Amino acid sequence: MKTLVVAFVVMIIGSAPQFARAEEPDRSAIERVEKMSPREKAELKARVERFKSLPPEKKAEVIEAARRWKSLSREERQKVREANQRWQAMPPRARARVMQNYERFQKLSPEDRQALRQRLKDMDKLTPEEKQKLKAKIQKWRQLTPEQRKEIKERFKERRKNR
């Protein structure tokens, strides 16, 4: 992972437009690059070439991501690394599901996003038994046919109106 970080720093500094360049790397980053094996240097060179071939807007996104990474605390960086490891270990279908959920989340209004975040916080407060019951209900819901789901939703809406 350290190699990736160093490569990222070198890639940005070596390829970014002058006005968007990150600060010069510290001496330890340069020393780490110098200590790389020929294979690691070749991988770094390939990353730099990939970066150089990006359209300007993608380069700007990468530069901004590097700035955000640099601003993270050590603990936050560790959480990101762990999340990345989980992501890398996920099968392609699970990754696709996560991306679909992310895209749906992005389409929500700010109010709906906040409501969803609150529901997730509320779920974190559930006891293990309550979480297990909820998971069982969700599993049962998923096993229903679309027609059954529609009927239940309509009954629910009707009850809400009559309150």
Protein backbone atom coordinates (compact mmCIF):
# COMPACT_ATOMS: atom_id res chain seq x y z
CA MET A 1 0.00 0.00 0.00
CA LYS A 2 2.90 2.34 0.73
CA THR A 3 4.07 1.81 -2.83
CA LEU A 4 0.66 2.88 -4.07
CA VAL A 5 0.74 6.04 -2.00
CA VAL A 6 4.24 6.93 -3.16
CA ALA A 7 3.30 6.19 -6.74
CA PHE A 8 0.28 8.37 -6.36
CA VAL A 9 2.35 11.25 -5.04
CA VAL A 10 4.96 10.89 -7.77
CA MET A 11 2.31 10.45 -10.43
CA ILE A 12 0.52 13.62 -9.43
CA ILE A 13 3.62 15.72 -9.08
CA GLY A 14 5.12 14.47 -12.30
CA SER A 15 1.97 14.77 -14.38
CA ALA A 16 -0.25 17.47 -12.97
CA PRO A 17 -0.43 20.87 -14.60
CA GLN A 18 1.77 23.42 -12.84
CA PHE A 19 -1.18 25.24 -11.25
CA ALA A 20 -2.65 22.00 -9.89
CA ARG A 21 0.49 20.26 -8.67
CA ALA A 22 0.60 18.94 -5.17
CA GLU A 23 3.40 19.96 -2.85
CA GLU A 24 6.82 18.48 -3.48
CA PRO A 25 7.14 15.05 -1.85
CA ASP A 26 9.19 14.80 1.26
CA ARG A 27 12.61 13.17 1.05
CA SER A 28 11.32 9.89 2.49
CA ALA A 29 8.87 9.52 -0.43
CA ILE A 30 11.69 10.01 -2.91
CA GLU A 31 13.85 7.50 -1.05
CA ARG A 32 11.04 4.93 -1.16
CA VAL A 33 10.80 5.34 -4.92
CA GLU A 34 14.56 4.96 -5.23
CA LYS A 35 14.40 1.72 -3.21
CA MET A 36 11.74 0.18 -5.46
CA SER A 37 12.52 -2.97 -7.36
CA PRO A 38 12.65 -2.76 -11.16
CA ARG A 39 9.20 -4.40 -11.31
CA GLU A 40 7.73 -1.86 -8.91
CA LYS A 41 9.30 0.98 -10.88
CA ALA A 42 7.81 -0.44 -14.07
CA GLU A 43 4.38 -0.59 -12.41
CA LEU A 44 4.82 2.99 -11.25
CA LYS A 45 5.78 4.09 -14.73
CA ALA A 46 2.69 2.37 -16.14
CA ARG A 47 0.51 4.18 -13.59
CA VAL A 48 2.06 7.50 -14.53
CA GLU A 49 1.45 6.81 -18.20
CA ARG A 50 -2.18 5.89 -17.47
CA PHE A 51 -2.56 9.13 -15.54
CA LYS A 52 -1.02 11.16 -18.37
CA SER A 53 -3.45 9.60 -20.83
CA LEU A 54 -6.52 10.64 -18.79
CA PRO A 55 -8.72 13.45 -20.05
CA PRO A 56 -8.23 16.72 -18.13
CA GLU A 57 -11.43 16.35 -16.10
CA LYS A 58 -10.38 12.87 -14.93
CA LYS A 59 -6.92 14.17 -14.03
CA ALA A 60 -8.59 16.88 -11.95
CA GLU A 61 -10.66 14.22 -10.17
CA VAL A 62 -7.53 12.21 -9.37
CA ILE A 63 -5.73 15.30 -8.10
CA GLU A 64 -8.68 16.21 -5.90
CA ALA A 65 -8.84 12.64 -4.56
CA ALA A 66 -5.12 12.87 -3.69
CA ARG A 67 -5.72 16.13 -1.85
CA ARG A 68 -8.60 14.58 0.08
CA TRP A 69 -6.44 11.53 0.90
CA LYS A 70 -3.69 13.78 2.21
CA SER A 71 -6.18 15.61 4.43
CA LEU A 72 -7.35 12.39 6.12
CA SER A 73 -6.15 11.43 9.56
CA ARG A 74 -4.17 8.22 10.03
CA GLU A 75 -7.30 6.51 11.40
CA GLU A 76 -9.43 7.66 8.48
CA ARG A 77 -6.83 6.42 6.00
CA GLN A 78 -6.82 3.06 7.75
CA LYS A 79 -10.60 2.85 7.43
CA VAL A 80 -10.32 3.65 3.72
CA ARG A 81 -7.66 0.95 3.28
CA GLU A 82 -9.85 -1.60 5.07
CA ALA A 83 -12.87 -0.64 2.98
CA ASN A 84 -10.73 -1.00 -0.14
CA GLN A 85 -9.62 -4.46 0.95
CA ARG A 86 -13.25 -5.48 1.49
CA TRP A 87 -14.12 -4.04 -1.93
CA GLN A 88 -11.28 -5.94 -3.62
CA ALA A 89 -12.42 -9.17 -1.97
CA MET A 90 -16.03 -8.77 -3.15
CA PRO A 91 -17.25 -10.88 -6.04
CA PRO A 92 -18.17 -8.92 -9.19
CA ARG A 93 -21.93 -9.36 -8.65
CA ALA A 94 -21.70 -7.94 -5.13
CA ARG A 95 -19.68 -4.99 -6.45
CA ALA A 96 -22.33 -4.38 -9.10
CA ARG A 97 -25.03 -4.35 -6.40
CA VAL A 98 -23.05 -1.84 -4.35
CA MET A 99 -22.62 0.39 -7.41
CA GLN A 100 -26.34 0.19 -8.18
CA ASN A 101 -27.16 1.18 -4.61
CA TYR A 102 -24.67 4.04 -4.80
CA GLU A 103 -26.20 5.30 -8.05
CA ARG A 104 -29.68 5.13 -6.55
CA PHE A 105 -28.44 6.99 -3.46
CA GLN A 106 -26.92 9.71 -5.67
CA LYS A 107 -30.32 10.26 -7.31
CA LEU A 108 -32.08 10.86 -3.98
CA SER A 109 -32.95 14.35 -2.88
CA PRO A 110 -30.85 15.78 -0.04
CA GLU A 111 -33.80 15.28 2.33
CA ASP A 112 -34.19 11.63 1.32
CA ARG A 113 -30.45 11.06 1.71
CA GLN A 114 -30.57 12.50 5.21
CA ALA A 115 -33.60 10.37 6.07
CA LEU A 116 -31.78 7.26 4.85
CA ARG A 117 -28.69 8.15 6.88
CA GLN A 118 -30.90 8.56 9.94
CA ARG A 119 -32.55 5.18 9.36
CA LEU A 120 -29.11 3.57 9.13
CA LYS A 121 -28.07 5.24 12.39
CA ASP A 122 -31.28 3.97 13.97
CA MET A 123 -30.55 0.46 12.71
CA ASP A 124 -27.11 0.59 14.34
CA LYS A 125 -28.85 1.10 17.67
CA LEU A 126 -30.84 -2.14 17.36
CA THR A 127 -29.95 -5.08 19.54
CA PRO A 128 -28.58 -8.19 17.79
CA GLU A 129 -31.95 -9.89 18.27
CA GLU A 130 -33.80 -6.96 16.73
CA LYS A 131 -31.37 -6.90 13.82
CA GLN A 132 -31.92 -10.62 13.28
CA LYS A 133 -35.70 -10.14 13.25
CA LEU A 134 -35.35 -7.27 10.79
CA LYS A 135 -33.13 -9.34 8.50
CA ALA A 136 -35.69 -12.17 8.56
CA LYS A 137 -38.46 -9.74 7.60
CA ILE A 138 -36.35 -8.31 4.78
CA GLN A 139 -35.62 -11.82 3.52
CA LYS A 140 -39.31 -12.64 3.64
CA TRP A 141 -40.09 -9.42 1.70
CA ARG A 142 -37.54 -10.30 -0.96
CA GLN A 143 -39.17 -13.68 -1.48
CA LEU A 144 -42.53 -12.12 -2.29
CA THR A 145 -43.59 -11.76 -5.88
CA PRO A 146 -43.80 -8.25 -7.34
CA GLU A 147 -47.60 -8.52 -7.25
CA GLN A 148 -47.58 -9.43 -3.57
CA ARG A 149 -45.26 -6.54 -2.78
CA LYS A 150 -47.48 -4.13 -4.72
CA GLU A 151 -50.56 -5.32 -2.85
CA ILE A 152 -48.85 -4.90 0.53
CA LYS A 153 -47.61 -1.43 -0.40
CA GLU A 154 -51.12 -0.38 -1.44
CA ARG A 155 -52.62 -1.68 1.82
CA PHE A 156 -49.93 0.16 3.77
CA LYS A 157 -50.63 3.40 1.93
CA GLU A 158 -54.35 2.97 2.54
CA ARG A 159 -53.81 2.48 6.28
CA ARG A 160 -51.64 5.61 6.41
CA LYS A 161 -54.38 7.63 4.73
CA ASN A 162 -57.00 6.42 7.21
CA ARG A 163 -55.00 7.47 10.27
